[in-house]
């Protein structure tokens, strides 16, 4: 599986790609589309400040200004940073993007790449004369380039005319599909081009669509581009405002003011979390992972470390890969108090892909401070459906989804550093002892791998232990003592600890 490496910028996952990597991803998507039995076009969005200002409200807690645009950007197959402000913000958030990949530079490179690979482009939108001139320029540069079609229809994205929009779009979609184009360049401007693609996505038969705004005019020279030094230093907006003040003063003047207000919460949250790292104990720093088998279903469980940043993603990637294909994914954030923009992108991608593949995904142990961090980065609304109140809530949700009682356990093999560890998921009561008994059986068979070592029962994912469950623990303790080993209970809930006291077993087991 090919995973995206993204950075969360104001609630939108922006891919960490440079121009070469972006082109490779696009052409890989074209190839993958041709081998997919049920293909769906992928959208490439080149996001700048204007996109974010159009999609989001100025106040952090307010609903999105354009929820459909925000949803489309979150679902896009590739999102690149068109403007330097996004690159600067990513650096301040500790997850630097490689640089800009603006549409005005991407489209000429796509034309060159399509000519080399014998792929075709379809030009949709912009002024028809400008689009034809841009196509002629590309064909002059690359004689083998095939232009599958050029048209500049007027499409509706708002108002009463939306009632007839699908019918009006139908002949346009049919011409695009009939052309056999490999890449569709949509030049309606933001957000119209994204909305048009989204409403026609299910009937388009083109591998990749790229929203390119006014790029055709840049190619033909109808609109002058800023000098290279202004583009690389992030001053292109100033050049364009000077060239077209009447049209662009609101976009660049008010838009940048709004953007500057929008970035304050994530920057403050990141700075506060960075400072808190100096005063909070790190605890166990590794990512813990286990796979439970509950009947025919696989449940992947992972507990994130206290500090989870881009530096930890290399170690976390194999865990994510191993969890692929599980029927349920449970991510425990109870220890976690620091996430940066890159680890948030990793987390969002993991949950999005897993849930899209049909897995039941849940986040547990999300503290109030972590909720504030998610809200500051504007992903709180995105992750809210995954957040569970606790393991009891997770168990109830899974049992409702599968209509069967949940009981699972997994025994982790010992090592020189780690004794035997038996992790439990679901209730440990009279009706659910079988899974725990089966998982513990290898502990009692043959000679122990680590004579004298303690065996730990991990109850962090076990919301309920009744008297029968404690009876199981007593029997296991007795059997382990025969080989000189002890039993340690770890992570009992307050309710289970209270029952342990009531059953007069408080001193029967050492606690981890």
Protein backbone atom coordinates (compact mmCIF):
# COMPACT_ATOMS: atom_id res chain seq x y z
CA UNK A 1 0.00 0.00 0.00
CA UNK A 2 1.23 3.49 -0.87
CA UNK A 3 0.81 5.86 2.08
CA UNK A 4 0.81 9.64 1.87
CA UNK A 5 3.31 11.67 3.86
CA UNK A 6 1.35 14.77 4.84
CA UNK A 7 1.50 17.80 7.11
CA UNK A 8 -1.70 19.21 8.62
CA UNK A 9 -2.02 22.87 7.65
CA UNK A 10 -5.17 24.38 9.18
CA UNK A 11 -7.08 21.12 8.94
CA UNK A 12 -5.95 20.22 5.40
CA UNK A 13 -3.39 17.43 4.77
CA UNK A 14 -0.69 18.88 2.49
CA UNK A 15 1.65 16.34 0.90
CA UNK A 16 5.37 16.62 1.64
CA UNK A 17 6.46 16.55 -2.01
CA UNK A 18 8.66 18.63 -4.26
CA UNK A 19 7.98 19.04 -7.98
CA UNK A 20 9.64 15.77 -8.99
CA UNK A 21 7.78 13.77 -6.35
CA UNK A 22 4.46 15.42 -7.22
CA UNK A 23 4.87 14.49 -10.89
CA UNK A 24 5.78 10.94 -9.98
CA UNK A 25 2.70 10.64 -7.78
CA UNK A 26 0.43 11.95 -10.52
CA UNK A 27 1.77 9.60 -13.17
CA UNK A 28 1.61 6.70 -10.70
CA UNK A 29 -2.06 7.53 -10.13
CA UNK A 30 -2.66 7.42 -13.89
CA UNK A 31 -1.07 3.97 -14.04
CA UNK A 32 -2.97 2.70 -10.99
CA UNK A 33 -6.25 3.91 -12.49
CA UNK A 34 -5.73 1.77 -15.58
CA UNK A 35 -5.33 -1.35 -13.41
CA UNK A 36 -8.21 -0.65 -11.03
CA UNK A 37 -11.39 -2.68 -11.74
CA UNK A 38 -13.57 0.08 -10.23
CA UNK A 39 -11.60 3.24 -10.98
CA UNK A 40 -12.42 6.63 -9.49
CA UNK A 41 -10.65 9.81 -10.66
CA UNK A 42 -8.21 11.44 -8.24
CA UNK A 43 -8.08 15.17 -7.65
CA UNK A 44 -4.84 17.15 -7.42
CA UNK A 45 -5.26 20.45 -5.57
CA UNK A 46 -2.56 23.12 -5.51
CA UNK A 47 -3.52 24.91 -2.30
CA UNK A 48 -2.61 28.48 -1.45
CA UNK A 49 -3.79 31.01 1.13
CA UNK A 50 -6.88 31.78 -0.96
CA UNK A 51 -8.04 28.14 -0.76
CA UNK A 52 -7.79 28.10 3.03
CA UNK A 53 -9.44 31.50 3.43
CA UNK A 54 -12.32 30.35 1.19
CA UNK A 55 -12.75 27.07 3.06
CA UNK A 56 -12.31 28.09 6.70
CA UNK A 57 -13.82 30.56 9.11
CA UNK A 58 -11.54 33.09 10.71
CA UNK A 59 -12.38 31.97 14.25
CA UNK A 60 -10.94 28.61 15.16
CA UNK A 61 -14.09 27.28 16.83
CA UNK A 62 -16.51 28.48 14.13
CA UNK A 63 -17.90 26.09 11.47
CA UNK A 64 -16.08 26.04 8.12
CA UNK A 65 -16.92 28.89 5.77
CA UNK A 66 -17.23 26.43 2.87
CA UNK A 67 -17.63 22.91 4.33
CA UNK A 68 -17.88 21.28 0.90
CA UNK A 69 -14.57 22.76 -0.26
CA UNK A 70 -12.89 21.69 2.99
CA UNK A 71 -14.23 18.15 2.59
CA UNK A 72 -13.05 17.99 -1.04
CA UNK A 73 -9.54 19.15 -0.11
CA UNK A 74 -9.38 16.54 2.65
CA UNK A 75 -10.39 13.82 0.19
CA UNK A 76 -8.05 14.89 -2.63
CA UNK A 77 -5.52 12.38 -3.88
CA UNK A 78 -2.68 14.91 -3.80
CA UNK A 79 -2.49 18.35 -2.19
CA UNK A 80 0.53 20.55 -2.87
CA UNK A 81 1.57 23.85 -1.34
CA UNK A 82 1.11 26.52 -4.00
CA UNK A 83 2.12 29.45 -1.78
CA UNK A 84 5.16 30.19 0.38
CA UNK A 85 3.03 31.12 3.44
CA UNK A 86 2.06 27.44 3.72
CA UNK A 87 5.70 26.40 3.54
CA UNK A 88 6.66 28.94 6.20
CA UNK A 89 3.82 27.80 8.45
CA UNK A 90 4.87 24.16 8.12
CA UNK A 91 8.37 25.09 9.28
CA UNK A 92 7.03 26.93 12.31
CA UNK A 93 4.94 23.85 13.16
CA UNK A 94 8.01 21.63 13.16
CA UNK A 95 7.16 19.68 9.98
CA UNK A 96 8.72 21.56 7.09
CA UNK A 97 7.39 21.03 3.59
CA UNK A 98 10.10 20.57 0.91
CA UNK A 99 8.91 23.70 -0.91
CA UNK A 100 6.26 25.09 -3.25
CA UNK A 101 4.62 23.12 -6.04
CA UNK A 102 2.53 25.86 -7.72
CA UNK A 103 0.07 25.07 -10.49
CA UNK A 104 1.75 27.56 -12.81
CA UNK A 105 4.92 25.45 -12.67
CA UNK A 106 3.23 22.07 -12.39
CA UNK A 107 1.21 22.30 -15.63
CA UNK A 108 4.22 22.87 -17.96
CA UNK A 109 5.98 19.95 -16.26
CA UNK A 110 2.90 17.79 -16.73
CA UNK A 111 2.86 18.64 -20.43
CA UNK A 112 6.50 17.59 -20.74
CA UNK A 113 5.92 14.38 -18.78
CA UNK A 114 2.81 13.48 -20.79
CA UNK A 115 4.73 13.93 -24.04
CA UNK A 116 7.48 11.61 -22.78
CA UNK A 117 5.00 8.97 -21.60
CA UNK A 118 2.60 9.27 -24.56
CA UNK A 119 -0.23 10.44 -22.31
CA UNK A 120 -2.87 13.03 -23.16
CA UNK A 121 -4.20 16.24 -21.60
CA UNK A 122 -7.72 17.67 -21.70
CA UNK A 123 -8.07 21.45 -21.28
CA UNK A 124 -11.30 22.45 -19.52
CA UNK A 125 -12.15 26.02 -18.55
CA UNK A 126 -10.49 29.40 -18.86
CA UNK A 127 -11.05 31.65 -21.85
CA UNK A 128 -11.25 29.46 -24.96
CA UNK A 129 -8.74 31.57 -26.89
CA UNK A 130 -6.29 31.47 -23.98
CA UNK A 131 -6.69 27.72 -23.56
CA UNK A 132 -6.04 27.12 -27.27
CA UNK A 133 -2.97 29.34 -27.20
CA UNK A 134 -1.63 27.46 -24.17
CA UNK A 135 -2.21 24.14 -25.94
CA UNK A 136 -0.39 25.42 -29.04
CA UNK A 137 2.56 26.56 -26.90
CA UNK A 138 2.84 23.14 -25.24
CA UNK A 139 2.63 21.31 -28.57
CA UNK A 140 5.32 23.55 -30.02
CA UNK A 141 7.57 22.68 -27.09
CA UNK A 142 6.65 18.98 -27.14
CA UNK A 143 5.59 17.81 -30.64
CA UNK A 144 4.58 14.35 -29.38
CA UNK A 145 2.13 15.75 -26.82
CA UNK A 146 -1.48 14.76 -27.47
CA UNK A 147 -4.22 17.26 -26.56
CA UNK A 148 -7.37 15.17 -26.10
CA UNK A 149 -9.72 18.16 -26.07
CA UNK A 150 -10.18 21.86 -25.41
CA UNK A 151 -13.37 23.54 -24.28
CA UNK A 152 -14.37 26.49 -22.14
CA UNK A 153 -17.97 25.97 -20.97
CA UNK A 154 -19.75 28.08 -18.41
CA UNK A 155 -20.63 25.94 -15.41
CA UNK A 156 -22.66 26.75 -12.30
CA UNK A 157 -21.50 26.24 -8.72
CA UNK A 158 -24.17 28.20 -6.85
CA UNK A 159 -27.66 29.68 -7.08
CA UNK A 160 -30.89 28.40 -8.59
CA UNK A 161 -29.02 27.12 -11.64
CA UNK A 162 -27.70 24.23 -9.56
CA UNK A 163 -31.03 22.49 -10.18
CA UNK A 164 -29.96 21.84 -13.78
CA UNK A 165 -26.20 21.56 -13.21
CA UNK A 166 -25.92 17.78 -13.53
CA UNK A 167 -27.87 17.77 -16.78
CA UNK A 168 -25.77 20.65 -18.14
CA UNK A 169 -22.55 18.90 -17.10
CA UNK A 170 -23.52 15.59 -18.72
CA UNK A 171 -22.44 16.40 -22.33
CA UNK A 172 -19.16 17.90 -21.04
CA UNK A 173 -18.43 14.74 -19.05
CA UNK A 174 -19.35 12.60 -22.05
CA UNK A 175 -16.89 14.45 -24.30
CA UNK A 176 -14.12 14.11 -21.73
CA UNK A 177 -14.78 10.39 -21.31
CA UNK A 178 -14.98 9.81 -25.06
CA UNK A 179 -11.64 11.56 -25.56
CA UNK A 180 -9.75 8.97 -23.51
CA UNK A 181 -7.78 11.74 -21.76
CA UNK A 182 -5.30 10.72 -19.08
CA UNK A 183 -5.16 14.03 -17.20
CA UNK A 184 -7.90 16.66 -17.00
CA UNK A 185 -6.82 20.25 -16.37
CA UNK A 186 -9.72 22.21 -14.83
CA UNK A 187 -9.37 25.99 -15.01
CA UNK A 188 -12.60 27.29 -13.48
CA UNK A 189 -10.86 28.84 -10.48
CA UNK A 190 -11.24 28.00 -6.81
CA UNK A 191 -13.67 26.79 -5.51
CA UNK A 192 -15.71 26.27 -8.70
CA UNK A 193 -13.23 23.82 -10.26
CA UNK A 194 -13.15 21.63 -7.12
CA UNK A 195 -16.95 21.65 -6.79
CA UNK A 196 -17.42 20.79 -10.48
CA UNK A 197 -15.02 17.85 -10.20
CA UNK A 198 -16.62 16.56 -7.02
CA UNK A 199 -20.18 16.54 -8.33
CA UNK A 200 -19.11 14.75 -11.53
CA UNK A 201 -16.49 12.47 -10.01
CA UNK A 202 -18.59 9.32 -10.13
CA UNK A 203 -19.22 9.58 -13.87
CA UNK A 204 -15.88 10.95 -15.05
CA UNK A 205 -13.61 8.37 -16.67
CA UNK A 206 -10.30 10.16 -16.47
CA UNK A 207 -7.52 9.03 -14.10
CA UNK A 208 -6.46 12.40 -12.66
CA UNK A 209 -7.96 15.89 -12.57
CA UNK A 210 -5.88 18.92 -11.62
CA UNK A 211 -7.40 22.22 -10.51
CA UNK A 212 -5.18 24.85 -12.11
CA UNK A 213 -7.04 28.18 -11.74
CA UNK A 214 -5.59 30.83 -14.08
CA UNK A 215 -2.53 28.86 -15.19
CA UNK A 216 -3.41 29.04 -18.90
CA UNK A 217 -3.06 32.82 -18.74
CA UNK A 218 0.39 32.48 -17.16
CA UNK A 219 1.47 30.07 -19.91
CA UNK A 220 0.41 32.44 -22.70
CA UNK A 221 1.79 35.52 -20.97
CA UNK A 222 -1.61 37.24 -20.72
CA UNK A 223 -0.85 37.54 -17.03
CA UNK A 224 2.76 38.25 -16.13
CA UNK A 225 4.45 36.16 -13.46
CA UNK A 226 6.61 37.67 -10.79
CA UNK A 227 10.39 37.48 -11.17
CA UNK A 228 11.94 34.25 -9.92
CA UNK A 229 13.45 35.92 -6.85
CA UNK A 230 10.01 37.18 -5.77
CA UNK A 231 8.51 33.71 -6.21
CA UNK A 232 11.22 32.03 -4.16
CA UNK A 233 11.03 34.62 -1.39
CA UNK A 234 7.24 34.48 -1.14
CA UNK A 235 6.60 37.94 -2.59
CA UNK A 236 4.71 36.85 -5.70
CA UNK A 237 1.47 38.07 -4.12
CA UNK A 238 2.94 41.58 -3.87
CA UNK A 239 3.83 41.58 -7.56
CA UNK A 240 0.35 40.42 -8.56
CA UNK A 241 -1.32 42.97 -6.28
CA UNK A 242 0.79 45.72 -7.87
CA UNK A 243 -0.14 44.47 -11.37
CA UNK A 244 -3.92 44.11 -10.72
CA UNK A 245 -4.83 46.11 -7.60
CA UNK A 246 -8.49 46.61 -8.52
CA UNK A 247 -9.15 42.87 -8.86
CA UNK A 248 -6.83 41.42 -6.25
CA UNK A 249 -6.76 43.88 -3.34
CA UNK A 250 -9.46 41.99 -1.45
CA UNK A 251 -7.97 38.57 -2.15
CA UNK A 252 -4.43 39.45 -1.09
CA UNK A 253 -5.11 42.26 1.37
CA UNK A 254 -8.00 40.93 3.42
CA UNK A 255 -7.12 37.31 2.67
CA UNK A 256 -3.64 37.57 4.15
CA UNK A 257 -4.97 39.39 7.21
CA UNK A 258 -7.48 36.62 7.77
CA UNK A 259 -4.83 33.95 7.20
CA UNK A 260 -2.54 35.57 9.76
CA UNK A 261 -5.36 35.47 12.31
CA UNK A 262 -6.12 31.83 11.47
CA UNK A 263 -2.59 30.59 12.07
CA UNK A 264 -2.32 32.00 15.60
CA UNK A 265 -4.08 29.05 17.37
CA UNK A 266 -1.94 26.26 15.85
CA UNK A 267 1.25 28.24 16.43
CA UNK A 268 0.34 28.98 20.05
CA UNK A 269 -0.71 25.36 20.61
CA UNK A 270 2.52 24.06 19.10
CA UNK A 271 4.61 26.46 21.17
CA UNK A 272 2.75 25.57 24.38
CA UNK A 273 3.06 21.82 23.73
CA UNK A 274 6.76 22.22 22.93
CA UNK A 275 7.29 24.07 26.21
CA UNK A 276 5.32 21.49 28.19
CA UNK A 277 7.60 18.75 26.90
CA UNK A 278 10.32 20.18 29.12
CA UNK A 279 8.23 19.76 32.28
CA UNK A 280 6.24 16.57 31.69
CA UNK A 281 7.64 13.07 32.26
CA UNK A 282 8.05 11.19 29.02
CA UNK A 283 7.29 7.77 30.49
CA UNK A 284 7.70 4.78 28.22
CA UNK A 285 8.70 6.31 24.92
CA UNK A 286 8.00 3.51 22.48
CA UNK A 287 4.90 2.82 20.44
CA UNK A 288 3.21 -0.34 21.74
CA UNK A 289 1.34 -2.63 19.38
CA UNK A 290 -0.66 -5.85 19.42
CA UNK A 291 -3.07 -7.74 17.18
CA UNK A 292 -6.02 -9.48 18.82
CA UNK A 293 -8.05 -12.25 17.24
CA UNK A 294 -11.72 -12.23 18.20
CA UNK A 295 -13.29 -15.16 16.40
CA UNK A 296 -12.84 -14.57 12.66
CA UNK A 297 -11.87 -10.91 13.13
CA UNK A 298 -8.51 -9.21 13.61
CA UNK A 299 -8.27 -6.18 15.90
CA UNK A 300 -5.15 -4.01 15.72
CA UNK A 301 -4.30 -2.02 18.86
CA UNK A 302 -1.56 0.56 19.23
CA UNK A 303 -0.65 2.92 22.07
CA UNK A 304 1.16 6.04 20.91
CA UNK A 305 4.14 7.33 22.90
CA UNK A 306 3.94 10.47 25.07
CA UNK A 307 5.75 12.55 22.45
CA UNK A 308 4.84 11.63 18.87
CA UNK A 309 6.56 13.74 16.21
CA UNK A 310 7.89 13.40 12.69
CA UNK A 311 11.03 11.80 14.12
CA UNK A 312 8.91 8.88 15.38
CA UNK A 313 7.16 8.15 12.09
CA UNK A 314 9.88 5.90 10.70
CA UNK A 315 9.42 3.54 13.65
CA UNK A 316 5.62 3.86 13.51
CA UNK A 317 5.29 3.06 9.78
CA UNK A 318 5.88 -0.73 10.16
CA UNK A 319 3.19 -0.84 12.87
CA UNK A 320 0.77 0.94 10.57
CA UNK A 321 1.61 -1.47 7.74
CA UNK A 322 1.15 -4.50 10.00
CA UNK A 323 -2.29 -3.22 11.00
CA UNK A 324 -3.44 -3.00 7.38
CA UNK A 325 -6.38 -5.26 6.67
CA UNK A 326 -7.52 -5.49 10.31
CA UNK A 327 -11.25 -5.46 10.95
CA UNK A 328 -10.83 -2.87 13.71
CA UNK A 329 -8.16 -0.34 14.65
CA UNK A 330 -7.87 1.03 18.20
CA UNK A 331 -5.37 3.83 18.82
CA UNK A 332 -4.72 4.63 22.48
CA UNK A 333 -3.59 8.22 23.11
CA UNK A 334 -3.81 8.09 26.90
CA UNK A 335 -0.06 8.66 27.30
CA UNK A 336 0.24 11.12 24.43
CA UNK A 337 0.56 14.83 25.15
CA UNK A 338 2.47 16.11 22.12
CA UNK A 339 1.71 15.77 18.39
CA UNK A 340 3.21 17.93 15.68
CA UNK A 341 1.74 18.73 12.25
CA UNK A 342 3.51 15.76 10.62
CA UNK A 343 2.40 13.19 13.20
CA UNK A 344 -1.14 14.58 12.94
CA UNK A 345 -0.95 14.01 9.19
CA UNK A 346 0.25 10.45 9.85
CA UNK A 347 -2.59 9.84 12.29
CA UNK A 348 -5.26 11.26 9.98
CA UNK A 349 -3.95 9.26 7.01
CA UNK A 350 -3.89 6.05 9.05
CA UNK A 351 -7.49 6.47 10.22
CA UNK A 352 -8.73 7.62 6.81
CA UNK A 353 -7.23 4.68 4.92
CA UNK A 354 -8.24 2.11 7.54
CA UNK A 355 -11.84 3.34 7.82
CA UNK A 356 -12.07 3.65 4.04
CA UNK A 357 -11.09 -0.02 3.84
CA UNK A 358 -13.98 -0.97 6.11
CA UNK A 359 -12.20 -1.14 9.46
CA UNK A 360 -13.91 0.08 12.62
CA UNK A 361 -11.55 2.80 13.85
CA UNK A 362 -11.47 4.28 17.34
CA UNK A 363 -9.34 6.75 19.29
CA UNK A 364 -9.32 6.34 23.04
CA UNK A 365 -7.64 8.16 25.89
CA UNK A 366 -7.97 11.58 24.24
CA UNK A 367 -7.40 14.10 27.04
CA UNK A 368 -8.87 17.58 27.15
CA UNK A 369 -5.47 19.12 26.37
CA UNK A 370 -5.14 16.83 23.36
CA UNK A 371 -8.63 17.80 22.22
CA UNK A 372 -7.58 21.44 22.37
CA UNK A 373 -4.50 20.63 20.30
CA UNK A 374 -6.65 18.87 17.68
CA UNK A 375 -9.00 21.84 17.63
CA UNK A 376 -6.16 24.32 17.23
CA UNK A 377 -4.96 22.42 14.14
CA UNK A 378 -8.59 22.24 12.89
CA UNK A 379 -8.81 18.45 12.77
CA UNK A 380 -11.04 18.07 15.83
CA UNK A 381 -14.17 17.88 13.67
CA UNK A 382 -12.49 15.38 11.35
CA UNK A 383 -11.42 13.03 14.16
CA UNK A 384 -14.52 13.46 16.36
CA UNK A 385 -16.36 10.41 14.90
CA UNK A 386 -13.39 8.21 15.84
CA UNK A 387 -13.06 9.39 19.46
CA UNK A 388 -14.47 7.00 22.05
CA UNK A 389 -15.17 7.81 25.69
CA UNK A 390 -13.01 4.88 26.80
CA UNK A 391 -12.46 1.19 26.26
CA UNK A 392 -15.95 0.40 27.51
CA UNK A 393 -17.31 2.59 24.74
CA UNK A 394 -15.03 0.90 22.18
CA UNK A 395 -16.21 -2.54 23.24
CA UNK A 396 -19.87 -1.49 23.02
CA UNK A 397 -19.33 0.03 19.56
CA UNK A 398 -17.58 -3.08 18.24
CA UNK A 399 -20.17 -5.41 19.71
CA UNK A 400 -22.97 -3.33 18.15
CA UNK A 401 -21.16 -3.34 14.80
CA UNK A 402 -20.49 -7.07 14.82
CA UNK A 403 -23.52 -8.14 16.92
CA UNK A 404 -21.35 -10.48 18.98
CA UNK A 405 -19.71 -10.27 22.42
CA UNK A 406 -16.10 -9.10 22.22
CA UNK A 407 -13.37 -11.09 23.95
CA UNK A 408 -9.83 -11.28 22.70
CA UNK A 409 -6.31 -11.67 24.04
CA UNK A 410 -2.80 -11.82 22.67
CA UNK A 411 0.39 -13.12 24.27
CA UNK A 412 3.55 -11.20 23.41
CA UNK A 413 6.67 -13.35 23.22
CA UNK A 414 9.29 -12.54 25.85
CA UNK A 415 12.69 -11.03 25.25
CA UNK A 416 15.64 -10.17 27.45
CA UNK A 417 14.09 -6.72 28.02
CA UNK A 418 10.40 -7.66 28.10
CA UNK A 419 8.91 -10.57 30.09
CA UNK A 420 5.73 -12.30 29.00
CA UNK A 421 2.87 -9.86 28.46
CA UNK A 422 -0.73 -11.00 28.04
CA UNK A 423 -2.89 -8.17 26.62
CA UNK A 424 -6.66 -8.37 27.01
CA UNK A 425 -9.32 -6.66 24.93
CA UNK A 426 -12.96 -6.70 25.93
CA UNK A 427 -14.53 -8.00 29.10
CA UNK A 428 -12.94 -10.64 31.31
CA UNK A 429 -16.06 -12.17 32.80
CA UNK A 430 -17.77 -15.54 32.99
CA UNK A 431 -18.89 -15.35 29.36
CA UNK A 432 -15.51 -14.34 27.96
CA UNK A 433 -12.86 -16.47 29.64
CA UNK A 434 -12.19 -18.69 26.62
CA UNK A 435 -10.06 -16.16 24.70
CA UNK A 436 -7.89 -15.38 27.73
CA UNK A 437 -7.47 -19.07 28.57
CA UNK A 438 -6.43 -19.90 25.01
CA UNK A 439 -3.95 -17.01 24.87
CA UNK A 440 -2.42 -17.99 28.23
CA UNK A 441 -1.99 -21.67 27.30
CA UNK A 442 1.52 -21.26 25.82
CA UNK A 443 2.65 -19.81 29.16
CA UNK A 444 1.96 -23.12 30.83
CA UNK A 445 3.21 -25.49 28.12
CA UNK A 446 6.79 -26.74 28.37
CA UNK A 447 9.63 -24.97 30.11
CA UNK A 448 9.33 -21.19 30.59
CA UNK A 449 11.46 -19.07 28.30
CA UNK A 450 12.45 -16.84 31.22
CA UNK A 451 12.36 -18.84 34.47
CA UNK A 452 11.58 -16.66 37.44
CA UNK A 453 10.35 -13.74 35.35
CA UNK A 454 7.04 -12.07 36.03
CA UNK A 455 4.09 -12.43 33.68
CA UNK A 456 2.07 -9.22 33.20
CA UNK A 457 -1.67 -9.17 32.51
CA UNK A 458 -2.39 -5.87 30.72
CA UNK A 459 -5.95 -4.72 31.41
CA UNK A 460 -5.72 -1.26 29.79
CA UNK A 461 -8.04 -2.38 26.98
CA UNK A 462 -10.25 -4.42 29.30
CA UNK A 463 -13.08 -2.24 30.63
CA UNK A 464 -14.58 -4.86 32.93
CA UNK A 465 -13.27 -7.68 35.14
CA UNK A 466 -15.81 -9.58 37.25
CA UNK A 467 -15.29 -12.17 40.00
CA UNK A 468 -14.93 -14.93 37.39
CA UNK A 469 -12.17 -12.90 35.74
CA UNK A 470 -10.32 -12.58 39.04
CA UNK A 471 -10.83 -16.33 39.49
CA UNK A 472 -9.02 -16.80 36.17
CA UNK A 473 -6.18 -14.62 37.46
CA UNK A 474 -5.91 -16.72 40.64
CA UNK A 475 -5.77 -19.97 38.67
CA UNK A 476 -3.13 -18.53 36.34
CA UNK A 477 -1.09 -17.31 39.32
CA UNK A 478 -1.17 -20.77 40.88
CA UNK A 479 -0.02 -22.44 37.65
CA UNK A 480 2.78 -19.91 37.15
CA UNK A 481 4.07 -20.35 40.71
CA UNK A 482 4.75 -24.00 39.89
CA UNK A 483 7.52 -22.80 37.56
CA UNK A 484 8.78 -20.09 39.88
CA UNK A 485 7.08 -17.19 38.13
CA UNK A 486 4.78 -14.48 39.42
CA UNK A 487 1.74 -12.68 38.00
CA UNK A 488 1.45 -8.88 37.81
CA UNK A 489 -1.79 -7.02 37.02
CA UNK A 490 -1.44 -3.77 35.07
CA UNK A 491 -3.97 -1.14 34.01
CA UNK A 492 -7.06 -2.22 35.94
CA UNK A 493 -9.89 0.31 35.73
CA UNK A 494 -11.02 2.03 38.96
CA UNK A 495 -14.14 -0.14 38.92
CA UNK A 496 -12.12 -3.33 38.60
CA UNK A 497 -9.77 -2.23 41.38
CA UNK A 498 -12.78 -1.54 43.59
CA UNK A 499 -14.10 -5.06 42.93
CA UNK A 500 -10.64 -6.44 43.70
CA UNK A 501 -10.83 -4.81 47.13
CA UNK A 502 -14.38 -6.07 47.71
CA UNK A 503 -13.23 -9.61 46.86
CA UNK A 504 -10.37 -9.17 49.38
CA UNK A 505 -7.77 -9.72 46.65
CA UNK A 506 -6.02 -6.34 46.93
CA UNK A 507 -2.80 -7.98 48.14
CA UNK A 508 -3.10 -11.12 46.01
CA UNK A 509 -1.36 -9.61 42.99
CA UNK A 510 1.45 -7.08 42.73
CA UNK A 511 0.54 -4.09 40.56
CA UNK A 512 2.75 -2.82 37.73
